[in-house]
């Protein structure tokens, strides 16, 4: 088994949760809520 030094540990990428990931999850939840709302409570277009 290899022992990694401090520099190699800082170079490892992966598994990070970013702000963009959080925004994507929130956007998906809002979109799905809107789709479900449209199916359960359809509104007519007044035009």
N, C-alpha and C. Protein backbone atom coordinates (compact mmCIF):
# COMPACT_ATOMS: atom_id res chain seq x y z
N UNK A 1 0.84 -1.17 0.00
CA UNK A 1 0.00 0.00 0.00
C UNK A 1 0.89 1.23 0.00
N UNK A 2 0.51 2.24 -0.81
CA UNK A 2 1.29 3.48 -0.89
C UNK A 2 0.81 4.48 0.14
N UNK A 3 1.73 5.26 0.62
CA UNK A 3 1.39 6.37 1.50
C UNK A 3 1.49 7.65 0.68
N UNK A 4 0.42 8.43 0.68
CA UNK A 4 0.40 9.68 -0.08
C UNK A 4 0.88 10.83 0.79
N UNK A 5 1.69 11.68 0.18
CA UNK A 5 2.12 12.85 0.93
C UNK A 5 1.09 13.97 0.77
N UNK A 6 1.31 15.07 1.44
CA UNK A 6 0.34 16.17 1.49
C UNK A 6 0.04 16.74 0.11
N UNK A 7 1.07 16.87 -0.76
CA UNK A 7 0.86 17.44 -2.09
C UNK A 7 -0.01 16.53 -2.95
N UNK A 8 0.21 15.25 -2.89
CA UNK A 8 -0.60 14.32 -3.69
C UNK A 8 -2.04 14.27 -3.19
N UNK A 9 -2.23 14.42 -1.90
CA UNK A 9 -3.59 14.44 -1.36
C UNK A 9 -4.36 15.65 -1.85
N UNK A 10 -3.69 16.79 -2.00
CA UNK A 10 -4.36 18.00 -2.49
C UNK A 10 -4.70 17.91 -3.97
N UNK A 11 -3.97 17.07 -4.72
CA UNK A 11 -4.20 16.95 -6.16
C UNK A 11 -5.36 16.02 -6.50
N UNK A 12 -5.88 15.28 -5.54
CA UNK A 12 -6.96 14.33 -5.82
C UNK A 12 -8.27 15.09 -6.00
N UNK A 13 -8.91 14.84 -7.16
CA UNK A 13 -10.21 15.45 -7.45
C UNK A 13 -11.26 14.35 -7.45
N UNK A 14 -12.46 14.71 -7.07
CA UNK A 14 -13.56 13.74 -7.15
C UNK A 14 -14.38 13.74 -5.88
N UNK A 15 -15.66 13.52 -6.08
CA UNK A 15 -16.56 13.44 -4.94
C UNK A 15 -16.89 14.77 -4.31
N UNK A 16 -16.51 15.84 -4.95
CA UNK A 16 -16.78 17.15 -4.35
C UNK A 16 -18.18 17.60 -4.72
N UNK A 17 -18.87 18.16 -3.77
CA UNK A 17 -20.22 18.69 -3.99
C UNK A 17 -20.09 20.20 -4.11
N UNK A 18 -20.44 20.73 -5.26
CA UNK A 18 -20.24 22.15 -5.53
C UNK A 18 -21.57 22.91 -5.43
N UNK A 19 -21.45 24.20 -5.53
CA UNK A 19 -22.64 25.06 -5.54
C UNK A 19 -23.49 24.75 -6.77
N UNK A 20 -22.83 24.46 -7.90
CA UNK A 20 -23.57 24.15 -9.12
C UNK A 20 -24.38 22.86 -8.96
N UNK A 21 -23.84 21.92 -8.23
CA UNK A 21 -24.59 20.69 -7.95
C UNK A 21 -25.83 20.96 -7.13
N UNK A 22 -25.70 21.82 -6.13
CA UNK A 22 -26.85 22.19 -5.30
C UNK A 22 -27.90 22.93 -6.12
N UNK A 23 -27.45 23.83 -6.99
CA UNK A 23 -28.39 24.58 -7.84
C UNK A 23 -29.13 23.62 -8.78
N UNK A 24 -28.43 22.65 -9.32
CA UNK A 24 -29.06 21.69 -10.23
C UNK A 24 -30.11 20.86 -9.50
N UNK A 25 -29.82 20.45 -8.28
CA UNK A 25 -30.79 19.64 -7.51
C UNK A 25 -32.02 20.47 -7.18
N UNK A 26 -31.83 21.71 -6.73
CA UNK A 26 -32.96 22.57 -6.40
C UNK A 26 -33.80 22.87 -7.64
N UNK A 27 -33.15 23.11 -8.77
CA UNK A 27 -33.87 23.38 -10.01
C UNK A 27 -34.70 22.16 -10.42
N UNK A 28 -34.13 20.98 -10.30
CA UNK A 28 -34.86 19.76 -10.63
C UNK A 28 -36.08 19.56 -9.75
N UNK A 29 -35.93 19.81 -8.46
CA UNK A 29 -37.05 19.66 -7.54
C UNK A 29 -38.16 20.65 -7.87
N UNK A 30 -37.80 21.89 -8.18
CA UNK A 30 -38.80 22.90 -8.53
C UNK A 30 -39.51 22.52 -9.83
N UNK A 31 -38.75 22.02 -10.81
CA UNK A 31 -39.36 21.63 -12.08
C UNK A 31 -40.35 20.48 -11.88
N UNK A 32 -39.95 19.47 -11.13
CA UNK A 32 -40.83 18.32 -10.90
C UNK A 32 -42.08 18.75 -10.12
N UNK A 33 -41.91 19.67 -9.16
CA UNK A 33 -43.07 20.17 -8.42
C UNK A 33 -44.03 20.90 -9.36
N UNK A 34 -43.50 21.65 -10.31
CA UNK A 34 -44.35 22.34 -11.28
C UNK A 34 -45.08 21.39 -12.20
N UNK A 35 -44.39 20.34 -12.63
CA UNK A 35 -45.04 19.35 -13.49
C UNK A 35 -46.16 18.64 -12.74
N UNK A 36 -45.91 18.23 -11.52
CA UNK A 36 -46.95 17.57 -10.72
C UNK A 36 -48.12 18.51 -10.44
N UNK A 37 -47.83 19.78 -10.21
CA UNK A 37 -48.89 20.76 -9.98
C UNK A 37 -49.73 20.94 -11.24
N UNK A 38 -49.09 20.91 -12.39
CA UNK A 38 -49.82 21.05 -13.65
C UNK A 38 -50.74 19.87 -13.92
N UNK A 39 -50.32 18.68 -13.54
CA UNK A 39 -51.18 17.50 -13.73
C UNK A 39 -52.33 17.47 -12.74
N UNK A 40 -52.07 17.85 -11.52
CA UNK A 40 -53.10 17.72 -10.49
C UNK A 40 -54.05 18.92 -10.48
N UNK A 41 -53.61 20.08 -10.95
CA UNK A 41 -54.43 21.29 -10.89
C UNK A 41 -54.27 22.08 -12.20
N UNK A 42 -54.78 21.53 -13.30
CA UNK A 42 -54.59 22.22 -14.59
C UNK A 42 -55.40 23.52 -14.65
N UNK A 43 -54.77 24.55 -15.13
CA UNK A 43 -55.43 25.85 -15.28
C UNK A 43 -55.65 26.13 -16.77
N UNK A 44 -56.78 26.76 -17.10
CA UNK A 44 -57.07 27.08 -18.48
C UNK A 44 -56.38 28.36 -18.88
N UNK A 45 -56.10 28.49 -20.16
CA UNK A 45 -55.50 29.71 -20.68
C UNK A 45 -56.62 30.71 -20.99
N UNK A 46 -56.51 31.91 -20.47
CA UNK A 46 -57.52 32.95 -20.71
C UNK A 46 -57.03 33.86 -21.83
N UNK A 47 -57.16 33.41 -23.06
CA UNK A 47 -56.66 34.25 -24.12
C UNK A 47 -57.12 33.88 -25.42
